[in-house]
Amino acid sequence: MTELAALIKLRAGRPRSKVAKELGITTQMLGALERGDRLPSLMLAKKIAVYYGVTIDDLFFQERGNKTSP
């Protein structure tokens, strides 16, 4: 699953504005992360992972063959 699909799926229809506010980022930043236009800092990636109750790997890395790639 790409980070786009993972973030949108995890948001599960909640308003982008609400999730962004709870994460302490702008709605524009959350949109950019969901589209894959921006990569979060490690600190923000951890915050997002904790918020959704998943690992950073689950959100931002996917298995491709024998190697893990962003």
PDB file of N, CA and C in Angstrom:
ATOM      1  N   MET A   1       0.858  -1.183   0.000  1.00  0.00           N
ATOM      2  CA  MET A   1       0.000   0.000   0.000  1.00  0.00           C
ATOM      3  C   MET A   1       0.897   1.237   0.000  1.00  0.00           C
ATOM      4  N   THR A   2       0.614   2.172  -0.843  1.00  0.00           N
ATOM      5  CA  THR A   2       1.403   3.392  -0.880  1.00  0.00           C
ATOM      6  C   THR A   2       1.048   4.260   0.309  1.00  0.00           C
ATOM      7  N   GLU A   3       1.941   5.221   0.620  1.00  0.00           N
ATOM      8  CA  GLU A   3       1.645   6.100   1.753  1.00  0.00           C
ATOM      9  C   GLU A   3       0.358   6.873   1.511  1.00  0.00           C
ATOM     10  N   LEU A   4       0.079   7.247   0.268  1.00  0.00           N
ATOM     11  CA  LEU A   4      -1.167   7.936  -0.052  1.00  0.00           C
ATOM     12  C   LEU A   4      -2.356   7.096   0.380  1.00  0.00           C
ATOM     13  N   ALA A   5      -2.396   5.871  -0.076  1.00  0.00           N
ATOM     14  CA  ALA A   5      -3.516   5.002   0.258  1.00  0.00           C
ATOM     15  C   ALA A   5      -3.561   4.724   1.752  1.00  0.00           C
ATOM     16  N   ALA A   6      -2.409   4.554   2.380  1.00  0.00           N
ATOM     17  CA  ALA A   6      -2.366   4.257   3.816  1.00  0.00           C
ATOM     18  C   ALA A   6      -2.900   5.426   4.625  1.00  0.00           C
ATOM     19  N   LEU A   7      -2.459   6.620   4.340  1.00  0.00           N
ATOM     20  CA  LEU A   7      -2.904   7.783   5.117  1.00  0.00           C
ATOM     21  C   LEU A   7      -4.382   8.078   4.913  1.00  0.00           C
ATOM     22  N   ILE A   8      -4.849   7.981   3.702  1.00  0.00           N
ATOM     23  CA  ILE A   8      -6.262   8.238   3.433  1.00  0.00           C
ATOM     24  C   ILE A   8      -7.124   7.154   4.061  1.00  0.00           C
ATOM     25  N   LYS A   9      -6.695   5.904   3.951  1.00  0.00           N
ATOM     26  CA  LYS A   9      -7.451   4.804   4.555  1.00  0.00           C
ATOM     27  C   LYS A   9      -7.520   4.973   6.068  1.00  0.00           C
ATOM     28  N   LEU A  10      -6.408   5.324   6.689  1.00  0.00           N
ATOM     29  CA  LEU A  10      -6.389   5.509   8.139  1.00  0.00           C
ATOM     30  C   LEU A  10      -7.244   6.694   8.581  1.00  0.00           C
ATOM     31  N   ARG A  11      -7.300   7.724   7.756  1.00  0.00           N
ATOM     32  CA  ARG A  11      -8.125   8.887   8.103  1.00  0.00           C
ATOM     33  C   ARG A  11      -9.598   8.502   8.112  1.00  0.00           C
ATOM     34  N   ALA A  12      -9.962   7.498   7.339  1.00  0.00           N
ATOM     35  CA  ALA A  12     -11.296   6.880   7.367  1.00  0.00           C
ATOM     36  C   ALA A  12     -12.449   7.877   7.327  1.00  0.00           C
ATOM     37  N   GLY A  13     -12.371   8.819   6.423  1.00  0.00           N
ATOM     38  CA  GLY A  13     -13.477   9.748   6.249  1.00  0.00           C
ATOM     39  C   GLY A  13     -13.537  10.883   7.254  1.00  0.00           C
ATOM     40  N   ARG A  14     -12.641  10.879   8.243  1.00  0.00           N
ATOM     41  CA  ARG A  14     -12.610  12.009   9.177  1.00  0.00           C
ATOM     42  C   ARG A  14     -12.185  13.251   8.408  1.00  0.00           C
ATOM     43  N   PRO A  15     -12.719  14.386   8.763  1.00  0.00           N
ATOM     44  CA  PRO A  15     -12.330  15.605   8.052  1.00  0.00           C
ATOM     45  C   PRO A  15     -10.829  15.866   8.147  1.00  0.00           C
ATOM     46  N   ARG A  16     -10.242  16.205   7.021  1.00  0.00           N
ATOM     47  CA  ARG A  16      -8.810  16.509   6.975  1.00  0.00           C
ATOM     48  C   ARG A  16      -8.472  17.615   7.972  1.00  0.00           C
ATOM     49  N   SER A  17      -9.362  18.596   8.106  1.00  0.00           N
ATOM     50  CA  SER A  17      -9.096  19.711   9.023  1.00  0.00           C
ATOM     51  C   SER A  17      -9.005  19.247  10.472  1.00  0.00           C
ATOM     52  N   LYS A  18      -9.841  18.290  10.848  1.00  0.00           N
ATOM     53  CA  LYS A  18      -9.824  17.785  12.225  1.00  0.00           C
ATOM     54  C   LYS A  18      -8.541  17.006  12.505  1.00  0.00           C
ATOM     55  N   VAL A  19      -8.170  16.123  11.582  1.00  0.00           N
ATOM     56  CA  VAL A  19      -6.956  15.328  11.755  1.00  0.00           C
ATOM     57  C   VAL A  19      -5.735  16.233  11.789  1.00  0.00           C
ATOM     58  N   ALA A  20      -5.671  17.195  10.872  1.00  0.00           N
ATOM     59  CA  ALA A  20      -4.535  18.118  10.832  1.00  0.00           C
ATOM     60  C   ALA A  20      -4.422  18.883  12.147  1.00  0.00           C
ATOM     61  N   LYS A  21      -5.541  19.376  12.660  1.00  0.00           N
ATOM     62  CA  LYS A  21      -5.522  20.125  13.916  1.00  0.00           C
ATOM     63  C   LYS A  21      -5.014  19.245  15.050  1.00  0.00           C
ATOM     64  N   GLU A  22      -5.482  17.998  15.111  1.00  0.00           N
ATOM     65  CA  GLU A  22      -5.063  17.086  16.171  1.00  0.00           C
ATOM     66  C   GLU A  22      -3.585  16.712  16.049  1.00  0.00           C
ATOM     67  N   LEU A  23      -3.051  16.748  14.835  1.00  0.00           N
ATOM     68  CA  LEU A  23      -1.627  16.480  14.626  1.00  0.00           C
ATOM     69  C   LEU A  23      -0.774  17.734  14.787  1.00  0.00           C
ATOM     70  N   GLY A  24      -1.410  18.896  14.812  1.00  0.00           N
ATOM     71  CA  GLY A  24      -0.672  20.147  14.944  1.00  0.00           C
ATOM     72  C   GLY A  24      -0.019  20.605  13.659  1.00  0.00           C
ATOM     73  N   ILE A  25      -0.643  20.253  12.520  1.00  0.00           N
ATOM     74  CA  ILE A  25      -0.136  20.686  11.215  1.00  0.00           C
ATOM     75  C   ILE A  25      -1.284  21.330  10.445  1.00  0.00           C
ATOM     76  N   THR A  26      -0.961  21.951   9.323  1.00  0.00           N
ATOM     77  CA  THR A  26      -1.998  22.574   8.509  1.00  0.00           C
ATOM     78  C   THR A  26      -2.698  21.524   7.655  1.00  0.00           C
ATOM     79  N   THR A  27      -3.898  21.870   7.205  1.00  0.00           N
ATOM     80  CA  THR A  27      -4.612  20.966   6.303  1.00  0.00           C
ATOM     81  C   THR A  27      -3.847  20.819   4.989  1.00  0.00           C
ATOM     82  N   GLN A  28      -3.152  21.874   4.589  1.00  0.00           N
ATOM     83  CA  GLN A  28      -2.363  21.820   3.355  1.00  0.00           C
ATOM     84  C   GLN A  28      -1.221  20.815   3.496  1.00  0.00           C
ATOM     85  N   MET A  29      -0.587  20.808   4.669  1.00  0.00           N
ATOM     86  CA  MET A  29       0.510  19.867   4.899  1.00  0.00           C
ATOM     87  C   MET A  29      -0.012  18.433   4.902  1.00  0.00           C
ATOM     88  N   LEU A  30      -1.133  18.202   5.568  1.00  0.00           N
ATOM     89  CA  LEU A  30      -1.703  16.857   5.587  1.00  0.00           C
ATOM     90  C   LEU A  30      -2.065  16.419   4.167  1.00  0.00           C
ATOM     91  N   GLY A  31      -2.646  17.309   3.391  1.00  0.00           N
ATOM     92  CA  GLY A  31      -2.970  16.991   2.004  1.00  0.00           C
ATOM     93  C   GLY A  31      -1.732  16.650   1.201  1.00  0.00           C
ATOM     94  N   ALA A  32      -0.661  17.424   1.395  1.00  0.00           N
ATOM     95  CA  ALA A  32       0.587  17.163   0.680  1.00  0.00           C
ATOM     96  C   ALA A  32       1.182  15.807   1.070  1.00  0.00           C
ATOM     97  N   LEU A  33       1.075  15.457   2.347  1.00  0.00           N
ATOM     98  CA  LEU A  33       1.557  14.156   2.807  1.00  0.00           C
ATOM     99  C   LEU A  33       0.718  13.035   2.200  1.00  0.00           C
ATOM    100  N   GLU A  34      -0.597  13.218   2.181  1.00  0.00           N
ATOM    101  CA  GLU A  34      -1.486  12.197   1.614  1.00  0.00           C
ATOM    102  C   GLU A  34      -1.263  12.010   0.115  1.00  0.00           C
ATOM    103  N   ARG A  35      -0.954  13.091  -0.576  1.00  0.00           N
ATOM    104  CA  ARG A  35      -0.703  13.004  -2.022  1.00  0.00           C
ATOM    105  C   ARG A  35       0.695  12.488  -2.339  1.00  0.00           C
ATOM    106  N   GLY A  36       1.567  12.505  -1.343  1.00  0.00           N
ATOM    107  CA  GLY A  36       2.950  12.109  -1.573  1.00  0.00           C
ATOM    108  C   GLY A  36       3.814  13.235  -2.090  1.00  0.00           C
ATOM    109  N   ASP A  37       3.299  14.472  -2.027  1.00  0.00           N
ATOM    110  CA  ASP A  37       4.072  15.631  -2.482  1.00  0.00           C
ATOM    111  C   ASP A  37       5.159  16.026  -1.486  1.00  0.00           C
ATOM    112  N   ARG A  38       4.964  15.696  -0.219  1.00  0.00           N
ATOM    113  CA  ARG A  38       5.919  16.036   0.844  1.00  0.00           C
ATOM    114  C   ARG A  38       6.184  14.795   1.677  1.00  0.00           C
ATOM    115  N   LEU A  39       7.381  14.728   2.232  1.00  0.00           N
ATOM    116  CA  LEU A  39       7.722  13.696   3.197  1.00  0.00           C
ATOM    117  C   LEU A  39       7.817  14.366   4.563  1.00  0.00           C
ATOM    118  N   PRO A  40       7.302  13.727   5.590  1.00  0.00           N
ATOM    119  CA  PRO A  40       7.362  14.344   6.919  1.00  0.00           C
ATOM    120  C   PRO A  40       8.743  14.202   7.532  1.00  0.00           C
ATOM    121  N   SER A  41       9.035  15.073   8.482  1.00  0.00           N
ATOM    122  CA  SER A  41      10.240  14.897   9.285  1.00  0.00           C
ATOM    123  C   SER A  41      10.061  13.609  10.083  1.00  0.00           C
ATOM    124  N   LEU A  42      11.131  13.094  10.634  1.00  0.00           N
ATOM    125  CA  LEU A  42      11.035  11.888  11.445  1.00  0.00           C
ATOM    126  C   LEU A  42      10.108  12.118  12.637  1.00  0.00           C
ATOM    127  N   MET A  43      10.195  13.296  13.230  1.00  0.00           N
ATOM    128  CA  MET A  43       9.344  13.616  14.378  1.00  0.00           C
ATOM    129  C   MET A  43       7.859  13.614  13.987  1.00  0.00           C
ATOM    130  N   LEU A  44       7.536  14.205  12.847  1.00  0.00           N
ATOM    131  CA  LEU A  44       6.146  14.228  12.390  1.00  0.00           C
ATOM    132  C   LEU A  44       5.686  12.831  11.981  1.00  0.00           C
ATOM    133  N   ALA A  45       6.552  12.060  11.336  1.00  0.00           N
ATOM    134  CA  ALA A  45       6.196  10.695  10.957  1.00  0.00           C
ATOM    135  C   ALA A  45       5.847   9.879  12.195  1.00  0.00           C
ATOM    136  N   LYS A  46       6.630  10.043  13.255  1.00  0.00           N
ATOM    137  CA  LYS A  46       6.353   9.325  14.501  1.00  0.00           C
ATOM    138  C   LYS A  46       5.024   9.782  15.097  1.00  0.00           C
ATOM    139  N   LYS A  47       4.773  11.079  15.058  1.00  0.00           N
ATOM    140  CA  LYS A  47       3.516  11.633  15.587  1.00  0.00           C
ATOM    141  C   LYS A  47       2.310  11.067  14.826  1.00  0.00           C
ATOM    142  N   ILE A  48       2.427  10.991  13.510  1.00  0.00           N
ATOM    143  CA  ILE A  48       1.346  10.447  12.683  1.00  0.00           C
ATOM    144  C   ILE A  48       1.146   8.963  12.988  1.00  0.00           C
ATOM    145  N   ALA A  49       2.238   8.226  13.109  1.00  0.00           N
ATOM    146  CA  ALA A  49       2.147   6.796  13.404  1.00  0.00           C
ATOM    147  C   ALA A  49       1.477   6.556  14.758  1.00  0.00           C
ATOM    148  N   VAL A  50       1.868   7.319  15.759  1.00  0.00           N
ATOM    149  CA  VAL A  50       1.252   7.185  17.091  1.00  0.00           C
ATOM    150  C   VAL A  50      -0.225   7.554  17.017  1.00  0.00           C
ATOM    151  N   TYR A  51      -0.544   8.621  16.309  1.00  0.00           N
ATOM    152  CA  TYR A  51      -1.928   9.080  16.176  1.00  0.00           C
ATOM    153  C   TYR A  51      -2.824   7.972  15.611  1.00  0.00           C
ATOM    154  N   TYR A  52      -2.328   7.286  14.584  1.00  0.00           N
ATOM    155  CA  TYR A  52      -3.117   6.239  13.942  1.00  0.00           C
ATOM    156  C   TYR A  52      -2.901   4.851  14.563  1.00  0.00           C
ATOM    157  N   GLY A  53      -1.938   4.732  15.480  1.00  0.00           N
ATOM    158  CA  GLY A  53      -1.693   3.453  16.129  1.00  0.00           C
ATOM    159  C   GLY A  53      -1.033   2.424  15.233  1.00  0.00           C
ATOM    160  N   VAL A  54      -0.131   2.893  14.378  1.00  0.00           N
ATOM    161  CA  VAL A  54       0.602   2.015  13.472  1.00  0.00           C
ATOM    162  C   VAL A  54       2.087   2.352  13.554  1.00  0.00           C
ATOM    163  N   THR A  55       2.911   1.595  12.843  1.00  0.00           N
ATOM    164  CA  THR A  55       4.341   1.893  12.833  1.00  0.00           C
ATOM    165  C   THR A  55       4.676   2.848  11.687  1.00  0.00           C
ATOM    166  N   ILE A  56       5.813   3.482  11.796  1.00  0.00           N
ATOM    167  CA  ILE A  56       6.296   4.350  10.715  1.00  0.00           C
ATOM    168  C   ILE A  56       6.484   3.523   9.441  1.00  0.00           C
ATOM    169  N   ASP A  57       6.998   2.319   9.588  1.00  0.00           N
ATOM    170  CA  ASP A  57       7.182   1.447   8.420  1.00  0.00           C
ATOM    171  C   ASP A  57       5.861   1.174   7.710  1.00  0.00           C
ATOM    172  N   ASP A  58       4.809   0.937   8.486  1.00  0.00           N
ATOM    173  CA  ASP A  58       3.496   0.677   7.883  1.00  0.00           C
ATOM    174  C   ASP A  58       3.013   1.867   7.058  1.00  0.00           C
ATOM    175  N   LEU A  59       3.345   3.063   7.497  1.00  0.00           N
ATOM    176  CA  LEU A  59       2.879   4.266   6.810  1.00  0.00           C
ATOM    177  C   LEU A  59       3.720   4.658   5.609  1.00  0.00           C
ATOM    178  N   PHE A  60       5.023   4.637   5.756  1.00  0.00           N
ATOM    179  CA  PHE A  60       5.877   5.282   4.771  1.00  0.00           C
ATOM    180  C   PHE A  60       6.804   4.358   3.993  1.00  0.00           C
ATOM    181  N   PHE A  61       6.766   3.058   4.279  1.00  0.00           N
ATOM    182  CA  PHE A  61       7.613   2.125   3.550  1.00  0.00           C
ATOM    183  C   PHE A  61       6.770   0.936   3.119  1.00  0.00           C
ATOM    184  N   GLN A  62       7.110   0.406   1.991  1.00  0.00           N
ATOM    185  CA  GLN A  62       6.376  -0.761   1.505  1.00  0.00           C
ATOM    186  C   GLN A  62       7.375  -1.792   0.995  1.00  0.00           C
ATOM    187  N   GLU A  63       7.001  -3.042   1.083  1.00  0.00           N
ATOM    188  CA  GLU A  63       7.847  -4.121   0.605  1.00  0.00           C
ATOM    189  C   GLU A  63       7.785  -4.189  -0.918  1.00  0.00           C
ATOM    190  N   ARG A  64       8.932  -4.269  -1.519  1.00  0.00           N
ATOM    191  CA  ARG A  64       9.038  -4.483  -2.971  1.00  0.00           C
ATOM    192  C   ARG A  64      10.103  -5.534  -3.207  1.00  0.00           C
ATOM    193  N   GLY A  65       9.670  -6.728  -3.481  1.00  0.00           N
ATOM    194  CA  GLY A  65      10.641  -7.819  -3.678  1.00  0.00           C
ATOM    195  C   GLY A  65      11.349  -8.118  -2.374  1.00  0.00           C
ATOM    196  N   ASN A  66      12.687  -8.071  -2.420  1.00  0.00           N
ATOM    197  CA  ASN A  66      13.491  -8.385  -1.249  1.00  0.00           C
ATOM    198  C   ASN A  66      13.956  -7.147  -0.499  1.00  0.00           C
ATOM    199  N   LYS A  67      13.607  -5.962  -0.946  1.00  0.00           N
ATOM    200  CA  LYS A  67      14.077  -4.779  -0.258  1.00  0.00           C
ATOM    201  C   LYS A  67      12.929  -3.865   0.094  1.00  0.00           C
ATOM    202  N   THR A  68      13.125  -3.099   1.120  1.00  0.00           N
ATOM    203  CA  THR A  68      12.132  -2.127   1.549  1.00  0.00           C
ATOM    204  C   THR A  68      12.495  -0.786   0.947  1.00  0.00           C
ATOM    205  N   SER A  69      11.509  -0.128   0.357  1.00  0.00           N
ATOM    206  CA  SER A  69      11.802   1.154  -0.282  1.00  0.00           C
ATOM    207  C   SER A  69      10.733   2.171   0.073  1.00  0.00           C
ATOM    208  N   PRO A  70      11.124   3.448   0.150  1.00  0.00           N
ATOM    209  CA  PRO A  70      10.139   4.499   0.440  1.00  0.00           C
ATOM    210  C   PRO A  70       9.227   4.731  -0.737  1.00  0.00           C
TER     211      PRO A  70
END
